[in-house]
Amino acid sequence: VVEAGAGEPAEAGEPAAADEAPEQDGAAGGEAEEAPAGDKA
């Protein structure tokens, strides 16, 4: 029973992590773009 319960949240965490991964990458890209722009300025 404990394994089954732990398995449920684990599965939910996988898709959630996938959604967060692209969001974090996109946010990091925006910050990275601003950094070089500041150096050029």
PDB file of N, CA and C in Angstrom:
ATOM      1  N   VAL A   1       0.850  -1.204   0.000  1.00  0.00           N
ATOM      2  CA  VAL A   1       0.000   0.000   0.000  1.00  0.00           C
ATOM      3  C   VAL A   1       0.880   1.245   0.000  1.00  0.00           C
ATOM      4  N   VAL A   2       1.939   1.225   0.791  1.00  0.00           N
ATOM      5  CA  VAL A   2       2.815   2.404   0.842  1.00  0.00           C
ATOM      6  C   VAL A   2       3.424   2.651  -0.539  1.00  0.00           C
ATOM      7  N   GLU A   3       3.878   1.568  -1.188  1.00  0.00           N
ATOM      8  CA  GLU A   3       4.484   1.741  -2.517  1.00  0.00           C
ATOM      9  C   GLU A   3       3.463   2.327  -3.498  1.00  0.00           C
ATOM     10  N   ALA A   4       2.222   1.787  -3.465  1.00  0.00           N
ATOM     11  CA  ALA A   4       1.187   2.276  -4.385  1.00  0.00           C
ATOM     12  C   ALA A   4       0.967   3.776  -4.146  1.00  0.00           C
ATOM     13  N   GLY A   5       0.834   4.170  -2.881  1.00  0.00           N
ATOM     14  CA  GLY A   5       0.605   5.579  -2.581  1.00  0.00           C
ATOM     15  C   GLY A   5       1.770   6.427  -3.081  1.00  0.00           C
ATOM     16  N   ALA A   6       2.990   5.980  -2.835  1.00  0.00           N
ATOM     17  CA  ALA A   6       4.154   6.755  -3.263  1.00  0.00           C
ATOM     18  C   ALA A   6       4.204   6.827  -4.789  1.00  0.00           C
ATOM     19  N   GLY A   7       3.772   5.744  -5.449  1.00  0.00           N
ATOM     20  CA  GLY A   7       3.791   5.715  -6.917  1.00  0.00           C
ATOM     21  C   GLY A   7       2.870   6.775  -7.494  1.00  0.00           C
ATOM     22  N   GLU A   8       1.703   6.978  -6.893  1.00  0.00           N
ATOM     23  CA  GLU A   8       0.769   7.974  -7.435  1.00  0.00           C
ATOM     24  C   GLU A   8       1.401   9.369  -7.475  1.00  0.00           C
ATOM     25  N   PRO A   9       1.914   9.891  -6.364  1.00  0.00           N
ATOM     26  CA  PRO A   9       2.519  11.232  -6.383  1.00  0.00           C
ATOM     27  C   PRO A   9       3.734  11.277  -7.311  1.00  0.00           C
ATOM     28  N   ALA A  10       4.471  10.186  -7.396  1.00  0.00           N
ATOM     29  CA  ALA A  10       5.660  10.162  -8.259  1.00  0.00           C
ATOM     30  C   ALA A  10       5.238  10.408  -9.702  1.00  0.00           C
ATOM     31  N   GLU A  11       4.185   9.715 -10.148  1.00  0.00           N
ATOM     32  CA  GLU A  11       3.724   9.914 -11.526  1.00  0.00           C
ATOM     33  C   GLU A  11       3.277  11.358 -11.739  1.00  0.00           C
ATOM     34  N   ALA A  12       2.544  11.902 -10.796  1.00  0.00           N
ATOM     35  CA  ALA A  12       2.072  13.282 -10.937  1.00  0.00           C
ATOM     36  C   ALA A  12       3.273  14.230 -10.985  1.00  0.00           C
ATOM     37  N   GLY A  13       4.310  13.932 -10.226  1.00  0.00           N
ATOM     38  CA  GLY A  13       5.496  14.785 -10.204  1.00  0.00           C
ATOM     39  C   GLY A  13       6.220  14.777 -11.546  1.00  0.00           C
ATOM     40  N   GLU A  14       6.221  13.632 -12.216  1.00  0.00           N
ATOM     41  CA  GLU A  14       6.943  13.571 -13.500  1.00  0.00           C
ATOM     42  C   GLU A  14       6.400  14.598 -14.506  1.00  0.00           C
ATOM     43  N   PRO A  15       5.100  14.569 -14.812  1.00  0.00           N
ATOM     44  CA  PRO A  15       4.557  15.550 -15.763  1.00  0.00           C
ATOM     45  C   PRO A  15       4.736  16.985 -15.259  1.00  0.00           C
ATOM     46  N   ALA A  16       4.583  17.191 -13.969  1.00  0.00           N
ATOM     47  CA  ALA A  16       4.735  18.529 -13.401  1.00  0.00           C
ATOM     48  C   ALA A  16       6.159  19.023 -13.649  1.00  0.00           C
ATOM     49  N   ALA A  17       7.139  18.171 -13.409  1.00  0.00           N
ATOM     50  CA  ALA A  17       8.536  18.560 -13.605  1.00  0.00           C
ATOM     51  C   ALA A  17       8.767  18.905 -15.074  1.00  0.00           C
ATOM     52  N   ALA A  18       8.176  18.133 -15.971  1.00  0.00           N
ATOM     53  CA  ALA A  18       8.354  18.392 -17.408  1.00  0.00           C
ATOM     54  C   ALA A  18       7.804  19.775 -17.747  1.00  0.00           C
ATOM     55  N   ASP A  19       6.640  20.121 -17.189  1.00  0.00           N
ATOM     56  CA  ASP A  19       6.069  21.441 -17.469  1.00  0.00           C
ATOM     57  C   ASP A  19       6.982  22.537 -16.910  1.00  0.00           C
ATOM     58  N   GLU A  20       7.507  22.331 -15.709  1.00  0.00           N
ATOM     59  CA  GLU A  20       8.363  23.354 -15.099  1.00  0.00           C
ATOM     60  C   GLU A  20       9.688  23.480 -15.861  1.00  0.00           C
ATOM     61  N   ALA A  21      10.207  22.383 -16.369  1.00  0.00           N
ATOM     62  CA  ALA A  21      11.504  22.404 -17.056  1.00  0.00           C
ATOM     63  C   ALA A  21      11.497  23.426 -18.197  1.00  0.00           C
ATOM     64  N   PRO A  22      10.542  23.350 -19.127  1.00  0.00           N
ATOM     65  CA  PRO A  22      10.521  24.320 -20.239  1.00  0.00           C
ATOM     66  C   PRO A  22      10.341  25.751 -19.739  1.00  0.00           C
ATOM     67  N   GLU A  23       9.518  25.923 -18.718  1.00  0.00           N
ATOM     68  CA  GLU A  23       9.311  27.281 -18.204  1.00  0.00           C
ATOM     69  C   GLU A  23      10.617  27.848 -17.649  1.00  0.00           C
ATOM     70  N   GLN A  24      11.340  27.026 -16.870  1.00  0.00           N
ATOM     71  CA  GLN A  24      12.594  27.502 -16.282  1.00  0.00           C
ATOM     72  C   GLN A  24      13.600  27.809 -17.393  1.00  0.00           C
ATOM     73  N   ASP A  25      13.670  26.934 -18.412  1.00  0.00           N
ATOM     74  CA  ASP A  25      14.627  27.166 -19.497  1.00  0.00           C
ATOM     75  C   ASP A  25      14.304  28.494 -20.180  1.00  0.00           C
ATOM     76  N   GLY A  26      13.029  28.718 -20.458  1.00  0.00           N
ATOM     77  CA  GLY A  26      12.630  29.955 -21.131  1.00  0.00           C
ATOM     78  C   GLY A  26      13.002  31.170 -20.275  1.00  0.00           C
ATOM     79  N   ALA A  27      12.744  31.112 -18.994  1.00  0.00           N
ATOM     80  CA  ALA A  27      13.063  32.238 -18.106  1.00  0.00           C
ATOM     81  C   ALA A  27      14.575  32.470 -18.107  1.00  0.00           C
ATOM     82  N   ALA A  28      15.344  31.402 -18.044  1.00  0.00           N
ATOM     83  CA  ALA A  28      16.800  31.531 -18.019  1.00  0.00           C
ATOM     84  C   ALA A  28      17.270  32.177 -19.322  1.00  0.00           C
ATOM     85  N   GLY A  29      16.665  31.788 -20.453  1.00  0.00           N
ATOM     86  CA  GLY A  29      17.053  32.359 -21.739  1.00  0.00           C
ATOM     87  C   GLY A  29      16.817  33.866 -21.741  1.00  0.00           C
ATOM     88  N   GLY A  30      15.697  34.310 -21.215  1.00  0.00           N
ATOM     89  CA  GLY A  30      15.402  35.743 -21.178  1.00  0.00           C
ATOM     90  C   GLY A  30      16.452  36.475 -20.365  1.00  0.00           C
ATOM     91  N   GLU A  31      16.823  35.929 -19.216  1.00  0.00           N
ATOM     92  CA  GLU A  31      17.831  36.580 -18.374  1.00  0.00           C
ATOM     93  C   GLU A  31      19.178  36.602 -19.104  1.00  0.00           C
ATOM     94  N   ALA A  32      19.520  35.501 -19.751  1.00  0.00           N
ATOM     95  CA  ALA A  32      20.814  35.415 -20.444  1.00  0.00           C
ATOM     96  C   ALA A  32      20.872  36.490 -21.532  1.00  0.00           C
ATOM     97  N   GLU A  33      19.767  36.685 -22.248  1.00  0.00           N
ATOM     98  CA  GLU A  33      19.753  37.691 -23.311  1.00  0.00           C
ATOM     99  C   GLU A  33      19.994  39.082 -22.721  1.00  0.00           C
ATOM    100  N   GLU A  34      19.383  39.365 -21.578  1.00  0.00           N
ATOM    101  CA  GLU A  34      19.549  40.690 -20.976  1.00  0.00           C
ATOM    102  C   GLU A  34      21.012  40.903 -20.555  1.00  0.00           C
ATOM    103  N   ALA A  35      21.664  39.860 -20.051  1.00  0.00           N
ATOM    104  CA  ALA A  35      23.043  39.991 -19.571  1.00  0.00           C
ATOM    105  C   ALA A  35      23.956  40.470 -20.700  1.00  0.00           C
ATOM    106  N   PRO A  36      23.975  39.790 -21.879  1.00  0.00           N
ATOM    107  CA  PRO A  36      24.852  40.232 -22.972  1.00  0.00           C
ATOM    108  C   PRO A  36      24.483  41.634 -23.459  1.00  0.00           C
ATOM    109  N   ALA A  37      23.195  41.945 -23.472  1.00  0.00           N
ATOM    110  CA  ALA A  37      22.764  43.268 -23.928  1.00  0.00           C
ATOM    111  C   ALA A  37      23.387  44.332 -23.024  1.00  0.00           C
ATOM    112  N   GLY A  38      23.410  44.086 -21.730  1.00  0.00           N
ATOM    113  CA  GLY A  38      23.992  45.046 -20.795  1.00  0.00           C
ATOM    114  C   GLY A  38      25.483  45.226 -21.067  1.00  0.00           C
ATOM    115  N   ASP A  39      26.167  44.133 -21.380  1.00  0.00           N
ATOM    116  CA  ASP A  39      27.608  44.234 -21.648  1.00  0.00           C
ATOM    117  C   ASP A  39      27.846  45.093 -22.886  1.00  0.00           C
ATOM    118  N   LYS A  40      27.041  44.875 -23.934  1.00  0.00           N
ATOM    119  CA  LYS A  40      27.224  45.657 -25.161  1.00  0.00           C
ATOM    120  C   LYS A  40      26.947  47.139 -24.872  1.00  0.00           C
ATOM    121  N   ALA A  41      25.879  47.393 -24.120  1.00  0.00           N
ATOM    122  CA  ALA A  41      25.515  48.791 -23.838  1.00  0.00           C
ATOM    123  C   ALA A  41      26.673  49.448 -23.095  1.00  0.00           C
TER     124      ALA A  41
END
